[in-house]
Amino acid sequence: MDFTQAAQAHRGLLTAAEGDYVAPAATDNYFANEPNLIAPFDFDYDVITDFTTKLRWAQFLSIPPAWMSCFCCSPCFLTQNVHWDVRSQHVALTVDGIRYVKEKRKSLCGLPCTDKGRESKTVPYDKITDCDVQEPAGMACCCCIPNVLSTVHIDTASSGAKVDGGGIRHELELVGLAHPSAFKHSVWAMKRRITPAGASVPLTPAGALSAPGQTEMTTSLLTEIRDELKMLNQQIREQKA
């Protein structure tokens, strides 16, 4: 693979069997050392934080019993708790499936004794029965905070059970992705084994239903792809500087 091919892969230029679609280059480098990484996807952290902060404050002010938490100074840390929680989540497509991680993070008053541990989940492509996007609509609270976050629902055979509040259980819900439609198309492409844009690991041809064997991915080829993508990232950073 020459440098031009690596640059095209990184920009996400792909004409797939299903038509043209793009898996945008992500800025989140959390999965940079993931050996089986296909493509990371960004959460829109700023929009999620702004929306969630407004929603939490509206809920706090509209529920008088919650005011008792003022004695524990909980409201003083409300905004910071939203920031800690939102910024801890990351998602990527790997050879094995959709990988979602919530990193270890602070909570409550921020003391070490109140930290929340790391959580991770991988949903294999062959277990996925549905992946769709719920676009934002209506108001979230008190008719004054509009819904602005898209939600990607990933379902498996075990999904569909009723949960408290009348909702339906999904295997995985991703709220606030920067490019939810691109994520959806890439998931379906991976399920059909069509390489999504920005892939850093070669896959089997379209139509294959099983994950590619690691023996087919030579170390030299993977190293070459990784190094060329790193060179491209460095050039992009230098151009922006």
C-alpha atoms as a PDB file:
ATOM      1  CA  MET A   1       0.000   0.000   0.000  1.00  0.00           C
ATOM      2  CA  ASP A   2       1.490   3.343  -1.036  1.00  0.00           C
ATOM      3  CA  PHE A   3       1.001   6.633   0.756  1.00  0.00           C
ATOM      4  CA  THR A   4      -1.815   7.764  -1.563  1.00  0.00           C
ATOM      5  CA  GLN A   5      -3.817   4.621  -0.838  1.00  0.00           C
ATOM      6  CA  ALA A   6      -3.330   5.103   2.899  1.00  0.00           C
ATOM      7  CA  ALA A   7      -4.501   8.713   2.635  1.00  0.00           C
ATOM      8  CA  GLN A   8      -7.626   7.677   0.733  1.00  0.00           C
ATOM      9  CA  ALA A   9      -8.396   4.998   3.312  1.00  0.00           C
ATOM     10  CA  HIS A  10      -7.978   7.490   6.156  1.00  0.00           C
ATOM     11  CA  ARG A  11     -10.301  10.029   4.505  1.00  0.00           C
ATOM     12  CA  GLY A  12     -12.872   7.307   4.098  1.00  0.00           C
ATOM     13  CA  LEU A  13     -13.288   7.123   0.323  1.00  0.00           C
ATOM     14  CA  LEU A  14     -15.096   3.905  -0.516  1.00  0.00           C
ATOM     15  CA  THR A  15     -17.523   2.733  -3.151  1.00  0.00           C
ATOM     16  CA  ALA A  16     -19.166  -0.321  -1.634  1.00  0.00           C
ATOM     17  CA  ALA A  17     -21.603  -2.808  -3.045  1.00  0.00           C
ATOM     18  CA  GLU A  18     -24.406  -0.981  -1.255  1.00  0.00           C
ATOM     19  CA  GLY A  19     -23.458   2.436  -2.648  1.00  0.00           C
ATOM     20  CA  ASP A  20     -21.239   5.305  -1.551  1.00  0.00           C
ATOM     21  CA  TYR A  21     -20.950   5.955   2.165  1.00  0.00           C
ATOM     22  CA  VAL A  22     -18.356   7.401   4.486  1.00  0.00           C
ATOM     23  CA  ALA A  23     -16.986   6.388   7.866  1.00  0.00           C
ATOM     24  CA  PRO A  24     -15.448   9.760   8.846  1.00  0.00           C
ATOM     25  CA  ALA A  25     -11.940   9.975  10.210  1.00  0.00           C
ATOM     26  CA  ALA A  26     -12.258  10.209  13.994  1.00  0.00           C
ATOM     27  CA  THR A  27     -10.408  12.518  16.370  1.00  0.00           C
ATOM     28  CA  ASP A  28     -10.783  10.147  19.342  1.00  0.00           C
ATOM     29  CA  ASN A  29      -7.489   8.239  19.655  1.00  0.00           C
ATOM     30  CA  TYR A  30      -8.563   6.106  22.632  1.00  0.00           C
ATOM     31  CA  PHE A  31      -8.359   2.930  20.528  1.00  0.00           C
ATOM     32  CA  ALA A  32      -5.051   3.871  18.884  1.00  0.00           C
ATOM     33  CA  ASN A  33      -3.340   0.767  20.296  1.00  0.00           C
ATOM     34  CA  GLU A  34      -6.243  -1.608  19.673  1.00  0.00           C
ATOM     35  CA  PRO A  35      -4.714  -4.443  17.573  1.00  0.00           C
ATOM     36  CA  ASN A  36      -7.936  -5.356  15.738  1.00  0.00           C
ATOM     37  CA  LEU A  37      -9.234  -1.836  15.165  1.00  0.00           C
ATOM     38  CA  ILE A  38     -11.301  -1.189  12.047  1.00  0.00           C
ATOM     39  CA  ALA A  39     -12.576   2.363  12.605  1.00  0.00           C
ATOM     40  CA  PRO A  40     -13.230   4.518  15.705  1.00  0.00           C
ATOM     41  CA  PHE A  41     -16.222   6.854  15.850  1.00  0.00           C
ATOM     42  CA  ASP A  42     -16.546  10.141  17.727  1.00  0.00           C
ATOM     43  CA  PHE A  43     -19.142  11.128  20.269  1.00  0.00           C
ATOM     44  CA  ASP A  44     -20.138  14.785  20.031  1.00  0.00           C
ATOM     45  CA  TYR A  45     -18.942  15.444  23.575  1.00  0.00           C
ATOM     46  CA  ASP A  46     -19.694  19.180  23.609  1.00  0.00           C
ATOM     47  CA  VAL A  47     -23.300  18.782  22.435  1.00  0.00           C
ATOM     48  CA  ILE A  48     -23.922  15.843  24.787  1.00  0.00           C
ATOM     49  CA  THR A  49     -22.476  17.744  27.752  1.00  0.00           C
ATOM     50  CA  ASP A  50     -24.488  20.890  27.030  1.00  0.00           C
ATOM     51  CA  PHE A  51     -27.763  18.992  26.569  1.00  0.00           C
ATOM     52  CA  THR A  52     -27.289  16.697  29.578  1.00  0.00           C
ATOM     53  CA  THR A  53     -26.288  19.575  31.874  1.00  0.00           C
ATOM     54  CA  LYS A  54     -29.392  21.580  30.959  1.00  0.00           C
ATOM     55  CA  LEU A  55     -31.574  18.490  31.406  1.00  0.00           C
ATOM     56  CA  ARG A  56     -30.107  17.606  34.820  1.00  0.00           C
ATOM     57  CA  TRP A  57     -30.538  21.165  36.104  1.00  0.00           C
ATOM     58  CA  ALA A  58     -34.133  21.297  34.838  1.00  0.00           C
ATOM     59  CA  GLN A  59     -34.907  17.987  36.554  1.00  0.00           C
ATOM     60  CA  PHE A  60     -33.255  19.156  39.764  1.00  0.00           C
ATOM     61  CA  LEU A  61     -35.206  22.432  39.865  1.00  0.00           C
ATOM     62  CA  SER A  62     -38.537  20.798  38.986  1.00  0.00           C
ATOM     63  CA  ILE A  63     -38.337  18.092  41.696  1.00  0.00           C
ATOM     64  CA  PRO A  64     -38.461  19.729  45.169  1.00  0.00           C
ATOM     65  CA  PRO A  65     -37.339  16.591  47.073  1.00  0.00           C
ATOM     66  CA  ALA A  66     -34.080  16.762  45.109  1.00  0.00           C
ATOM     67  CA  TRP A  67     -33.338  20.099  46.755  1.00  0.00           C
ATOM     68  CA  MET A  68     -32.439  18.211  49.934  1.00  0.00           C
ATOM     69  CA  SER A  69     -29.204  17.209  48.206  1.00  0.00           C
ATOM     70  CA  CYS A  70     -28.081  20.833  48.617  1.00  0.00           C
ATOM     71  CA  PHE A  71     -27.051  19.907  52.158  1.00  0.00           C
ATOM     72  CA  CYS A  72     -24.510  17.493  50.615  1.00  0.00           C
ATOM     73  CA  CYS A  73     -23.375  20.083  48.054  1.00  0.00           C
ATOM     74  CA  SER A  74     -24.453  17.729  45.260  1.00  0.00           C
ATOM     75  CA  PRO A  75     -25.606  20.555  42.939  1.00  0.00           C
ATOM     76  CA  CYS A  76     -22.118  22.052  43.130  1.00  0.00           C
ATOM     77  CA  PHE A  77     -20.769  18.977  41.335  1.00  0.00           C
ATOM     78  CA  LEU A  78     -23.673  18.406  38.933  1.00  0.00           C
ATOM     79  CA  THR A  79     -22.007  19.954  35.890  1.00  0.00           C
ATOM     80  CA  GLN A  80     -18.675  18.301  36.646  1.00  0.00           C
ATOM     81  CA  ASN A  81     -20.345  14.895  37.018  1.00  0.00           C
ATOM     82  CA  VAL A  82     -21.904  15.264  33.578  1.00  0.00           C
ATOM     83  CA  HIS A  83     -18.497  16.132  32.127  1.00  0.00           C
ATOM     84  CA  TRP A  84     -16.784  13.156  33.797  1.00  0.00           C
ATOM     85  CA  ASP A  85     -19.451  10.724  32.631  1.00  0.00           C
ATOM     86  CA  VAL A  86     -19.783  11.969  29.053  1.00  0.00           C
ATOM     87  CA  ARG A  87     -16.057  12.160  28.343  1.00  0.00           C
ATOM     88  CA  SER A  88     -15.446   8.620  29.587  1.00  0.00           C
ATOM     89  CA  GLN A  89     -17.237   6.864  26.710  1.00  0.00           C
ATOM     90  CA  HIS A  90     -15.668   5.634  23.484  1.00  0.00           C
ATOM     91  CA  VAL A  91     -16.815   3.395  20.637  1.00  0.00           C
ATOM     92  CA  ALA A  92     -15.161   1.716  17.665  1.00  0.00           C
ATOM     93  CA  LEU A  93     -15.658  -1.047  15.133  1.00  0.00           C
ATOM     94  CA  THR A  94     -13.164  -3.877  15.531  1.00  0.00           C
ATOM     95  CA  VAL A  95     -12.670  -7.197  13.776  1.00  0.00           C
ATOM     96  CA  ASP A  96     -14.664  -8.867  16.562  1.00  0.00           C
ATOM     97  CA  GLY A  97     -17.617  -6.468  16.720  1.00  0.00           C
ATOM     98  CA  ILE A  98     -18.806  -3.129  18.072  1.00  0.00           C
ATOM     99  CA  ARG A  99     -16.614  -2.221  21.038  1.00  0.00           C
ATOM    100  CA  TYR A 100     -17.987   0.259  23.573  1.00  0.00           C
ATOM    101  CA  VAL A 101     -15.989   1.410  26.589  1.00  0.00           C
ATOM    102  CA  LYS A 102     -16.703   3.690  29.534  1.00  0.00           C
ATOM    103  CA  GLU A 103     -13.326   4.371  31.097  1.00  0.00           C
ATOM    104  CA  LYS A 104     -12.726   4.661  34.836  1.00  0.00           C
ATOM    105  CA  ARG A 105     -14.065   8.052  35.915  1.00  0.00           C
ATOM    106  CA  LYS A 106     -14.765  10.310  38.856  1.00  0.00           C
ATOM    107  CA  SER A 107     -18.285  10.702  40.250  1.00  0.00           C
ATOM    108  CA  LEU A 108     -20.228  12.482  43.001  1.00  0.00           C
ATOM    109  CA  CYS A 109     -17.757  14.796  44.787  1.00  0.00           C
ATOM    110  CA  GLY A 110     -14.728  13.567  42.846  1.00  0.00           C
ATOM    111  CA  LEU A 111     -12.968  11.795  45.718  1.00  0.00           C
ATOM    112  CA  PRO A 112     -11.118   8.544  44.914  1.00  0.00           C
ATOM    113  CA  CYS A 113     -13.562   6.563  47.055  1.00  0.00           C
ATOM    114  CA  THR A 114     -16.432   7.536  44.720  1.00  0.00           C
ATOM    115  CA  ASP A 115     -14.738   6.603  41.441  1.00  0.00           C
ATOM    116  CA  LYS A 116     -16.643   4.403  38.981  1.00  0.00           C
ATOM    117  CA  GLY A 117     -14.822   1.491  37.415  1.00  0.00           C
ATOM    118  CA  ARG A 118     -14.155   0.809  33.763  1.00  0.00           C
ATOM    119  CA  GLU A 119     -16.973  -0.817  31.793  1.00  0.00           C
ATOM    120  CA  SER A 120     -16.673  -2.386  28.353  1.00  0.00           C
ATOM    121  CA  LYS A 121     -18.852  -4.349  25.977  1.00  0.00           C
ATOM    122  CA  THR A 122     -18.354  -5.996  22.584  1.00  0.00           C
ATOM    123  CA  VAL A 123     -21.322  -6.881  20.377  1.00  0.00           C
ATOM    124  CA  PRO A 124     -20.310  -9.422  17.675  1.00  0.00           C
ATOM    125  CA  TYR A 125     -21.527  -8.608  14.173  1.00  0.00           C
ATOM    126  CA  ASP A 126     -23.070 -12.039  13.666  1.00  0.00           C
ATOM    127  CA  LYS A 127     -25.273 -11.521  16.750  1.00  0.00           C
ATOM    128  CA  ILE A 128     -26.706  -8.196  15.536  1.00  0.00           C
ATOM    129  CA  THR A 129     -30.298  -8.382  14.308  1.00  0.00           C
ATOM    130  CA  ASP A 130     -30.942  -4.647  13.943  1.00  0.00           C
ATOM    131  CA  CYS A 131     -29.027  -1.383  13.966  1.00  0.00           C
ATOM    132  CA  ASP A 132     -30.967   1.809  13.448  1.00  0.00           C
ATOM    133  CA  VAL A 133     -30.878   5.509  14.245  1.00  0.00           C
ATOM    134  CA  GLN A 134     -33.514   7.361  16.242  1.00  0.00           C
ATOM    135  CA  GLU A 135     -33.383  10.998  15.224  1.00  0.00           C
ATOM    136  CA  PRO A 136     -34.007  13.695  17.883  1.00  0.00           C
ATOM    137  CA  ALA A 137     -37.492  15.171  18.105  1.00  0.00           C
ATOM    138  CA  GLY A 138     -39.684  16.958  20.631  1.00  0.00           C
ATOM    139  CA  MET A 139     -38.699  18.208  24.058  1.00  0.00           C
ATOM    140  CA  ALA A 140     -36.758  16.446  26.774  1.00  0.00           C
ATOM    141  CA  CYS A 141     -38.115  18.244  29.846  1.00  0.00           C
ATOM    142  CA  CYS A 142     -40.706  20.889  30.689  1.00  0.00           C
ATOM    143  CA  CYS A 143     -41.193  21.820  27.023  1.00  0.00           C
ATOM    144  CA  CYS A 144     -38.116  24.031  27.220  1.00  0.00           C
ATOM    145  CA  ILE A 145     -35.182  21.743  26.406  1.00  0.00           C
ATOM    146  CA  PRO A 146     -35.299  20.388  22.839  1.00  0.00           C
ATOM    147  CA  ASN A 147     -33.967  16.927  22.117  1.00  0.00           C
ATOM    148  CA  VAL A 148     -30.816  17.343  20.043  1.00  0.00           C
ATOM    149  CA  LEU A 149     -29.146  13.933  20.415  1.00  0.00           C
ATOM    150  CA  SER A 150     -29.511  11.057  17.977  1.00  0.00           C
ATOM    151  CA  THR A 151     -29.544   7.543  19.413  1.00  0.00           C
ATOM    152  CA  VAL A 152     -28.223   4.436  17.696  1.00  0.00           C
ATOM    153  CA  HIS A 153     -29.998   1.257  18.816  1.00  0.00           C
ATOM    154  CA  ILE A 154     -28.177  -2.046  18.384  1.00  0.00           C
ATOM    155  CA  ASP A 155     -30.294  -5.149  18.904  1.00  0.00           C
ATOM    156  CA  THR A 156     -29.579  -8.856  19.175  1.00  0.00           C
ATOM    157  CA  ALA A 157     -31.822 -11.869  19.648  1.00  0.00           C
ATOM    158  CA  SER A 158     -31.933 -11.174  23.400  1.00  0.00           C
ATOM    159  CA  SER A 159     -33.240  -7.621  22.915  1.00  0.00           C
ATOM    160  CA  GLY A 160     -36.871  -6.544  23.062  1.00  0.00           C
ATOM    161  CA  ALA A 161     -37.715  -7.195  26.716  1.00  0.00           C
ATOM    162  CA  LYS A 162     -39.776  -4.564  28.507  1.00  0.00           C
ATOM    163  CA  VAL A 163     -37.963  -2.316  30.957  1.00  0.00           C
ATOM    164  CA  ASP A 164     -39.192  -0.025  33.713  1.00  0.00           C
ATOM    165  CA  GLY A 165     -40.950   2.991  32.267  1.00  0.00           C
ATOM    166  CA  GLY A 166     -42.444   1.124  29.314  1.00  0.00           C
ATOM    167  CA  GLY A 167     -39.360   1.147  27.110  1.00  0.00           C
ATOM    168  CA  ILE A 168     -37.714  -1.710  25.236  1.00  0.00           C
ATOM    169  CA  ARG A 169     -34.361  -3.189  26.139  1.00  0.00           C
ATOM    170  CA  HIS A 170     -31.642  -2.804  23.513  1.00  0.00           C
ATOM    171  CA  GLU A 171     -28.335  -4.641  23.496  1.00  0.00           C
ATOM    172  CA  LEU A 172     -26.491  -1.335  23.162  1.00  0.00           C
ATOM    173  CA  GLU A 173     -27.570   2.300  22.914  1.00  0.00           C
ATOM    174  CA  LEU A 174     -25.168   4.980  21.696  1.00  0.00           C
ATOM    175  CA  VAL A 175     -26.427   8.488  22.392  1.00  0.00           C
ATOM    176  CA  GLY A 176     -24.863  11.519  20.760  1.00  0.00           C
ATOM    177  CA  LEU A 177     -22.602  10.062  18.078  1.00  0.00           C
ATOM    178  CA  ALA A 178     -21.199  12.751  15.804  1.00  0.00           C
ATOM    179  CA  HIS A 179     -22.014  10.669  12.700  1.00  0.00           C
ATOM    180  CA  PRO A 180     -24.794   8.205  13.615  1.00  0.00           C
ATOM    181  CA  SER A 181     -25.841   7.385  10.047  1.00  0.00           C
ATOM    182  CA  ALA A 182     -22.267   6.651   8.994  1.00  0.00           C
ATOM    183  CA  PHE A 183     -21.919   4.394  12.033  1.00  0.00           C
ATOM    184  CA  LYS A 184     -25.097   2.530  11.099  1.00  0.00           C
ATOM    185  CA  HIS A 185     -23.982   1.992   7.489  1.00  0.00           C
ATOM    186  CA  SER A 186     -20.552   0.835   8.624  1.00  0.00           C
ATOM    187  CA  VAL A 187     -22.051  -1.702  11.045  1.00  0.00           C
ATOM    188  CA  TRP A 188     -24.194  -3.212   8.289  1.00  0.00           C
ATOM    189  CA  ALA A 189     -21.183  -3.201   5.977  1.00  0.00           C
ATOM    190  CA  MET A 190     -19.136  -5.084   8.585  1.00  0.00           C
ATOM    191  CA  LYS A 191     -21.950  -7.582   9.045  1.00  0.00           C
ATOM    192  CA  ARG A 192     -21.733  -8.233   5.292  1.00  0.00           C
ATOM    193  CA  ARG A 193     -17.918  -8.044   5.442  1.00  0.00           C
ATOM    194  CA  ILE A 194     -17.625  -4.968   3.225  1.00  0.00           C
ATOM    195  CA  THR A 195     -14.637  -2.961   4.452  1.00  0.00           C
ATOM    196  CA  PRO A 196     -15.864   0.401   5.829  1.00  0.00           C
ATOM    197  CA  ALA A 197     -14.038   3.632   5.102  1.00  0.00           C
ATOM    198  CA  GLY A 198     -10.938   4.266   7.194  1.00  0.00           C
ATOM    199  CA  ALA A 199     -10.411   0.580   7.922  1.00  0.00           C
ATOM    200  CA  SER A 200      -6.952  -0.215   9.266  1.00  0.00           C
ATOM    201  CA  VAL A 201      -7.340  -4.005   9.025  1.00  0.00           C
ATOM    202  CA  PRO A 202      -8.150  -5.843   5.745  1.00  0.00           C
ATOM    203  CA  LEU A 203     -11.231  -8.054   5.805  1.00  0.00           C
ATOM    204  CA  THR A 204     -12.626 -10.897   3.723  1.00  0.00           C
ATOM    205  CA  PRO A 205     -14.596 -10.106   0.540  1.00  0.00           C
ATOM    206  CA  ALA A 206     -18.203  -8.919   0.650  1.00  0.00           C
ATOM    207  CA  GLY A 207     -20.638 -11.691   1.425  1.00  0.00           C
ATOM    208  CA  ALA A 208     -18.441 -13.649   3.810  1.00  0.00           C
ATOM    209  CA  LEU A 209     -20.203 -14.154   7.105  1.00  0.00           C
ATOM    210  CA  SER A 210     -17.381 -15.267   9.389  1.00  0.00           C
ATOM    211  CA  ALA A 211     -14.680 -13.116  10.952  1.00  0.00           C
ATOM    212  CA  PRO A 212     -11.392 -13.228   9.016  1.00  0.00           C
ATOM    213  CA  GLY A 213      -8.684 -15.425  10.485  1.00  0.00           C
ATOM    214  CA  GLN A 214      -5.718 -13.694  12.038  1.00  0.00           C
ATOM    215  CA  THR A 215      -3.413 -15.901   9.942  1.00  0.00           C
ATOM    216  CA  GLU A 216      -4.681 -14.122   6.829  1.00  0.00           C
ATOM    217  CA  MET A 217      -3.610 -10.728   8.173  1.00  0.00           C
ATOM    218  CA  THR A 218       0.136 -10.764   7.905  1.00  0.00           C
ATOM    219  CA  THR A 219       2.106  -8.840  10.471  1.00  0.00           C
ATOM    220  CA  SER A 220       4.067  -6.981   7.823  1.00  0.00           C
ATOM    221  CA  LEU A 221       0.932  -5.721   6.065  1.00  0.00           C
ATOM    222  CA  LEU A 222      -0.705  -4.569   9.297  1.00  0.00           C
ATOM    223  CA  THR A 223       2.493  -2.827  10.359  1.00  0.00           C
ATOM    224  CA  GLU A 224       2.749  -1.083   7.000  1.00  0.00           C
ATOM    225  CA  ILE A 225      -0.840   0.141   7.177  1.00  0.00           C
ATOM    226  CA  ARG A 226      -0.392   1.359  10.747  1.00  0.00           C
ATOM    227  CA  ASP A 227       2.822   3.232   9.968  1.00  0.00           C
ATOM    228  CA  GLU A 228       1.400   4.943   6.892  1.00  0.00           C
ATOM    229  CA  LEU A 229      -1.717   6.045   8.778  1.00  0.00           C
ATOM    230  CA  LYS A 230       0.501   7.451  11.528  1.00  0.00           C
ATOM    231  CA  MET A 231       2.449   9.390   8.906  1.00  0.00           C
ATOM    232  CA  LEU A 232      -0.787  10.749   7.477  1.00  0.00           C
ATOM    233  CA  ASN A 233      -2.035  11.782  10.927  1.00  0.00           C
ATOM    234  CA  GLN A 234       1.253  13.570  11.578  1.00  0.00           C
ATOM    235  CA  GLN A 235       0.982  15.491   8.296  1.00  0.00           C
ATOM    236  CA  ILE A 236      -2.600  16.494   9.092  1.00  0.00           C
ATOM    237  CA  ARG A 237      -1.531  17.770  12.532  1.00  0.00           C
ATOM    238  CA  GLU A 238       1.318  19.777  10.977  1.00  0.00           C
ATOM    239  CA  GLN A 239      -1.043  21.341   8.426  1.00  0.00           C
ATOM    240  CA  LYS A 240      -3.461  22.378  11.183  1.00  0.00           C
ATOM    241  CA  ALA A 241      -0.672  23.780  13.373  1.00  0.00           C
END
